[in-house]
């Protein structure tokens, strides 16, 4: 018998792998207006639940999305992102709220997130609308690349 607070020798696996992922609309077209984006975020969370993907938070702006994920031991980042992109593309096209040729860019950016910074990233995602009143996606990504952090400072 294992003492409380210790990890057993059995097959139990606990992961604390978090990723902040950013992807954009193909051509950076500003198709994700606020109302659509809010519904899309809820859809990403629901789609994630149904597929065993932990989407902790999602938001973005007119031309891109931010998603905070908790990866399980058997999941790999690219597969999870592709599944979310593919499912959301099908859903968005099906709603007829975007053009029939809607697509996400093939690339994406991902940043590891410390478990202690998850709340900070959730807060950052929740304020995307305000953040992008002053800065565009290129400026945002530049800050990420320079800082190498999970969220740029406001």
C-alpha atoms as a PDB file:
ATOM      1  CA  UNK A   1       0.000   0.000   0.000  1.00  0.00           C
ATOM      2  CA  UNK A   2       1.284   3.441  -0.930  1.00  0.00           C
ATOM      3  CA  UNK A   3       1.395   6.208   1.634  1.00  0.00           C
ATOM      4  CA  UNK A   4      -0.780   9.262   0.990  1.00  0.00           C
ATOM      5  CA  UNK A   5       1.037  11.896  -1.052  1.00  0.00           C
ATOM      6  CA  UNK A   6       3.352   9.452  -2.832  1.00  0.00           C
ATOM      7  CA  UNK A   7       3.221   8.146  -6.369  1.00  0.00           C
ATOM      8  CA  UNK A   8       2.374   4.474  -6.623  1.00  0.00           C
ATOM      9  CA  UNK A   9       4.514   2.004  -8.539  1.00  0.00           C
ATOM     10  CA  UNK A  10       1.497   1.065 -10.679  1.00  0.00           C
ATOM     11  CA  UNK A  11       0.484   2.266 -14.135  1.00  0.00           C
ATOM     12  CA  UNK A  12      -0.790   5.656 -12.937  1.00  0.00           C
ATOM     13  CA  UNK A  13       0.418   8.480 -15.184  1.00  0.00           C
ATOM     14  CA  UNK A  14      -0.161  12.119 -14.321  1.00  0.00           C
ATOM     15  CA  UNK A  15       0.863  14.806 -16.745  1.00  0.00           C
ATOM     16  CA  UNK A  16       1.062  18.547 -16.346  1.00  0.00           C
ATOM     17  CA  UNK A  17       1.892  19.496 -19.910  1.00  0.00           C
ATOM     18  CA  UNK A  18       0.363  22.784 -20.946  1.00  0.00           C
ATOM     19  CA  UNK A  19       0.701  24.563 -24.282  1.00  0.00           C
ATOM     20  CA  UNK A  20      -0.420  27.976 -25.492  1.00  0.00           C
ATOM     21  CA  UNK A  21      -1.089  27.572 -29.213  1.00  0.00           C
ATOM     22  CA  UNK A  22      -1.701  30.331 -31.739  1.00  0.00           C
ATOM     23  CA  UNK A  23      -2.906  29.821 -35.290  1.00  0.00           C
ATOM     24  CA  UNK A  24      -4.287  32.207 -37.875  1.00  0.00           C
ATOM     25  CA  UNK A  25      -6.919  32.354 -40.566  1.00  0.00           C
ATOM     26  CA  UNK A  26      -5.445  31.594 -43.978  1.00  0.00           C
ATOM     27  CA  UNK A  27      -4.353  34.834 -45.581  1.00  0.00           C
ATOM     28  CA  UNK A  28      -4.954  36.542 -42.242  1.00  0.00           C
ATOM     29  CA  UNK A  29      -8.445  37.423 -43.391  1.00  0.00           C
ATOM     30  CA  UNK A  30     -10.390  39.143 -40.568  1.00  0.00           C
ATOM     31  CA  UNK A  31     -13.283  36.676 -40.607  1.00  0.00           C
ATOM     32  CA  UNK A  32     -13.611  35.903 -36.898  1.00  0.00           C
ATOM     33  CA  UNK A  33     -15.698  38.790 -35.667  1.00  0.00           C
ATOM     34  CA  UNK A  34     -16.363  38.941 -31.939  1.00  0.00           C
ATOM     35  CA  UNK A  35     -19.775  37.230 -31.923  1.00  0.00           C
ATOM     36  CA  UNK A  36     -18.577  34.383 -34.136  1.00  0.00           C
ATOM     37  CA  UNK A  37     -15.357  34.037 -32.147  1.00  0.00           C
ATOM     38  CA  UNK A  38     -17.236  33.625 -28.862  1.00  0.00           C
ATOM     39  CA  UNK A  39     -19.329  30.814 -30.338  1.00  0.00           C
ATOM     40  CA  UNK A  40     -16.221  29.285 -31.929  1.00  0.00           C
ATOM     41  CA  UNK A  41     -14.401  29.289 -28.579  1.00  0.00           C
ATOM     42  CA  UNK A  42     -17.272  27.450 -26.925  1.00  0.00           C
ATOM     43  CA  UNK A  43     -17.317  25.017 -29.835  1.00  0.00           C
ATOM     44  CA  UNK A  44     -13.573  24.345 -29.496  1.00  0.00           C
ATOM     45  CA  UNK A  45     -14.026  23.503 -25.806  1.00  0.00           C
ATOM     46  CA  UNK A  46     -16.987  21.210 -26.560  1.00  0.00           C
ATOM     47  CA  UNK A  47     -15.222  19.570 -29.496  1.00  0.00           C
ATOM     48  CA  UNK A  48     -12.192  19.043 -27.269  1.00  0.00           C
ATOM     49  CA  UNK A  49     -14.294  17.395 -24.554  1.00  0.00           C
ATOM     50  CA  UNK A  50     -15.826  15.024 -27.083  1.00  0.00           C
ATOM     51  CA  UNK A  51     -12.395  14.102 -28.479  1.00  0.00           C
ATOM     52  CA  UNK A  52     -10.572  13.790 -25.148  1.00  0.00           C
ATOM     53  CA  UNK A  53      -8.677  17.060 -25.665  1.00  0.00           C
ATOM     54  CA  UNK A  54      -8.429  19.412 -22.694  1.00  0.00           C
ATOM     55  CA  UNK A  55      -9.072  22.906 -24.032  1.00  0.00           C
ATOM     56  CA  UNK A  56      -8.709  25.073 -20.941  1.00  0.00           C
ATOM     57  CA  UNK A  57      -9.261  28.432 -22.637  1.00  0.00           C
ATOM     58  CA  UNK A  58      -9.694  29.838 -26.117  1.00  0.00           C
ATOM     59  CA  UNK A  59     -10.001  33.303 -27.577  1.00  0.00           C
ATOM     60  CA  UNK A  60      -8.409  35.375 -30.245  1.00  0.00           C
ATOM     61  CA  UNK A  61      -9.104  38.205 -32.618  1.00  0.00           C
ATOM     62  CA  UNK A  62     -10.459  38.743 -36.111  1.00  0.00           C
ATOM     63  CA  UNK A  63      -7.659  36.841 -37.864  1.00  0.00           C
ATOM     64  CA  UNK A  64      -6.314  34.343 -35.334  1.00  0.00           C
ATOM     65  CA  UNK A  65      -6.997  32.080 -32.364  1.00  0.00           C
ATOM     66  CA  UNK A  66      -5.245  31.382 -29.081  1.00  0.00           C
ATOM     67  CA  UNK A  67      -5.902  28.065 -27.364  1.00  0.00           C
ATOM     68  CA  UNK A  68      -4.585  26.865 -24.008  1.00  0.00           C
ATOM     69  CA  UNK A  69      -4.305  23.085 -23.921  1.00  0.00           C
ATOM     70  CA  UNK A  70      -3.475  20.509 -21.305  1.00  0.00           C
ATOM     71  CA  UNK A  71      -1.944  17.554 -23.107  1.00  0.00           C
ATOM     72  CA  UNK A  72      -2.430  14.007 -21.914  1.00  0.00           C
ATOM     73  CA  UNK A  73       0.474  11.556 -21.897  1.00  0.00           C
ATOM     74  CA  UNK A  74      -0.529   9.870 -25.156  1.00  0.00           C
ATOM     75  CA  UNK A  75      -1.306  13.052 -27.105  1.00  0.00           C
ATOM     76  CA  UNK A  76       1.110  14.916 -29.296  1.00  0.00           C
ATOM     77  CA  UNK A  77       0.758  18.616 -29.939  1.00  0.00           C
ATOM     78  CA  UNK A  78       0.603  18.606 -33.727  1.00  0.00           C
ATOM     79  CA  UNK A  79      -2.088  15.920 -33.796  1.00  0.00           C
ATOM     80  CA  UNK A  80      -4.213  17.782 -31.252  1.00  0.00           C
ATOM     81  CA  UNK A  81      -3.868  21.115 -33.084  1.00  0.00           C
ATOM     82  CA  UNK A  82      -4.672  19.531 -36.450  1.00  0.00           C
ATOM     83  CA  UNK A  83      -7.748  17.849 -34.975  1.00  0.00           C
ATOM     84  CA  UNK A  84      -8.992  21.147 -33.505  1.00  0.00           C
ATOM     85  CA  UNK A  85      -8.288  23.035 -36.722  1.00  0.00           C
ATOM     86  CA  UNK A  86      -9.940  20.436 -38.941  1.00  0.00           C
ATOM     87  CA  UNK A  87     -13.014  20.099 -36.746  1.00  0.00           C
ATOM     88  CA  UNK A  88     -13.444  23.838 -36.368  1.00  0.00           C
ATOM     89  CA  UNK A  89     -13.002  24.397 -40.110  1.00  0.00           C
ATOM     90  CA  UNK A  90     -15.763  21.896 -40.876  1.00  0.00           C
ATOM     91  CA  UNK A  91     -17.992  23.434 -38.225  1.00  0.00           C
ATOM     92  CA  UNK A  92     -17.343  27.028 -39.373  1.00  0.00           C
ATOM     93  CA  UNK A  93     -18.055  26.184 -42.995  1.00  0.00           C
ATOM     94  CA  UNK A  94     -21.184  24.340 -41.958  1.00  0.00           C
ATOM     95  CA  UNK A  95     -22.519  27.374 -40.080  1.00  0.00           C
ATOM     96  CA  UNK A  96     -22.289  29.439 -43.259  1.00  0.00           C
ATOM     97  CA  UNK A  97     -20.890  32.302 -41.130  1.00  0.00           C
ATOM     98  CA  UNK A  98     -17.615  32.212 -43.084  1.00  0.00           C
ATOM     99  CA  UNK A  99     -16.893  31.845 -46.810  1.00  0.00           C
ATOM    100  CA  UNK A 100     -16.882  28.317 -48.240  1.00  0.00           C
ATOM    101  CA  UNK A 101     -13.120  28.564 -48.790  1.00  0.00           C
ATOM    102  CA  UNK A 102     -12.406  29.284 -45.110  1.00  0.00           C
ATOM    103  CA  UNK A 103      -9.230  27.631 -43.853  1.00  0.00           C
ATOM    104  CA  UNK A 104      -6.616  27.992 -41.145  1.00  0.00           C
ATOM    105  CA  UNK A 105      -2.974  28.577 -42.039  1.00  0.00           C
ATOM    106  CA  UNK A 106      -1.065  25.300 -41.967  1.00  0.00           C
ATOM    107  CA  UNK A 107       1.456  26.573 -39.446  1.00  0.00           C
ATOM    108  CA  UNK A 108       0.979  27.412 -35.809  1.00  0.00           C
ATOM    109  CA  UNK A 109       3.041  28.631 -32.870  1.00  0.00           C
ATOM    110  CA  UNK A 110       3.095  26.886 -29.525  1.00  0.00           C
ATOM    111  CA  UNK A 111       4.636  27.818 -26.220  1.00  0.00           C
ATOM    112  CA  UNK A 112       5.040  25.624 -23.197  1.00  0.00           C
ATOM    113  CA  UNK A 113       3.282  26.905 -20.113  1.00  0.00           C
ATOM    114  CA  UNK A 114       4.352  26.214 -16.556  1.00  0.00           C
ATOM    115  CA  UNK A 115       1.518  24.915 -14.370  1.00  0.00           C
ATOM    116  CA  UNK A 116       2.053  27.977 -12.174  1.00  0.00           C
ATOM    117  CA  UNK A 117       1.401  30.277 -15.175  1.00  0.00           C
ATOM    118  CA  UNK A 118      -1.842  28.671 -16.405  1.00  0.00           C
ATOM    119  CA  UNK A 119      -4.054  31.290 -14.718  1.00  0.00           C
ATOM    120  CA  UNK A 120      -1.930  34.097 -16.186  1.00  0.00           C
ATOM    121  CA  UNK A 121      -2.345  32.680 -19.699  1.00  0.00           C
ATOM    122  CA  UNK A 122      -6.089  32.203 -19.191  1.00  0.00           C
ATOM    123  CA  UNK A 123      -6.296  35.864 -18.164  1.00  0.00           C
ATOM    124  CA  UNK A 124      -4.262  36.929 -21.199  1.00  0.00           C
ATOM    125  CA  UNK A 125      -6.547  34.995 -23.537  1.00  0.00           C
ATOM    126  CA  UNK A 126      -9.629  36.516 -21.919  1.00  0.00           C
ATOM    127  CA  UNK A 127      -8.354  39.998 -22.809  1.00  0.00           C
ATOM    128  CA  UNK A 128      -7.498  39.483 -26.475  1.00  0.00           C
ATOM    129  CA  UNK A 129     -10.052  42.028 -27.656  1.00  0.00           C
ATOM    130  CA  UNK A 130      -8.458  44.750 -25.531  1.00  0.00           C
ATOM    131  CA  UNK A 131      -4.921  43.689 -26.369  1.00  0.00           C
ATOM    132  CA  UNK A 132      -5.560  43.919 -30.096  1.00  0.00           C
ATOM    133  CA  UNK A 133      -6.955  47.428 -29.921  1.00  0.00           C
ATOM    134  CA  UNK A 134      -3.318  48.552 -29.724  1.00  0.00           C
ATOM    135  CA  UNK A 135      -1.353  45.729 -31.389  1.00  0.00           C
ATOM    136  CA  UNK A 136      -1.754  43.445 -34.376  1.00  0.00           C
ATOM    137  CA  UNK A 137      -0.908  39.758 -34.593  1.00  0.00           C
ATOM    138  CA  UNK A 138       2.579  40.371 -36.007  1.00  0.00           C
ATOM    139  CA  UNK A 139       3.456  42.623 -33.073  1.00  0.00           C
ATOM    140  CA  UNK A 140       2.038  40.072 -30.650  1.00  0.00           C
ATOM    141  CA  UNK A 141       4.042  37.217 -32.149  1.00  0.00           C
ATOM    142  CA  UNK A 142       7.183  39.351 -32.138  1.00  0.00           C
ATOM    143  CA  UNK A 143       6.800  39.874 -28.396  1.00  0.00           C
ATOM    144  CA  UNK A 144       6.412  36.122 -27.883  1.00  0.00           C
ATOM    145  CA  UNK A 145       9.487  35.353 -29.947  1.00  0.00           C
ATOM    146  CA  UNK A 146      11.635  37.960 -28.189  1.00  0.00           C
ATOM    147  CA  UNK A 147      10.517  37.090 -24.684  1.00  0.00           C
ATOM    148  CA  UNK A 148      10.200  33.336 -25.101  1.00  0.00           C
ATOM    149  CA  UNK A 149       7.457  33.461 -22.468  1.00  0.00           C
ATOM    150  CA  UNK A 150       3.900  32.173 -22.237  1.00  0.00           C
ATOM    151  CA  UNK A 151       2.299  35.602 -22.467  1.00  0.00           C
ATOM    152  CA  UNK A 152       3.613  39.044 -23.324  1.00  0.00           C
ATOM    153  CA  UNK A 153       3.348  41.758 -20.705  1.00  0.00           C
ATOM    154  CA  UNK A 154       0.720  44.412 -21.313  1.00  0.00           C
END
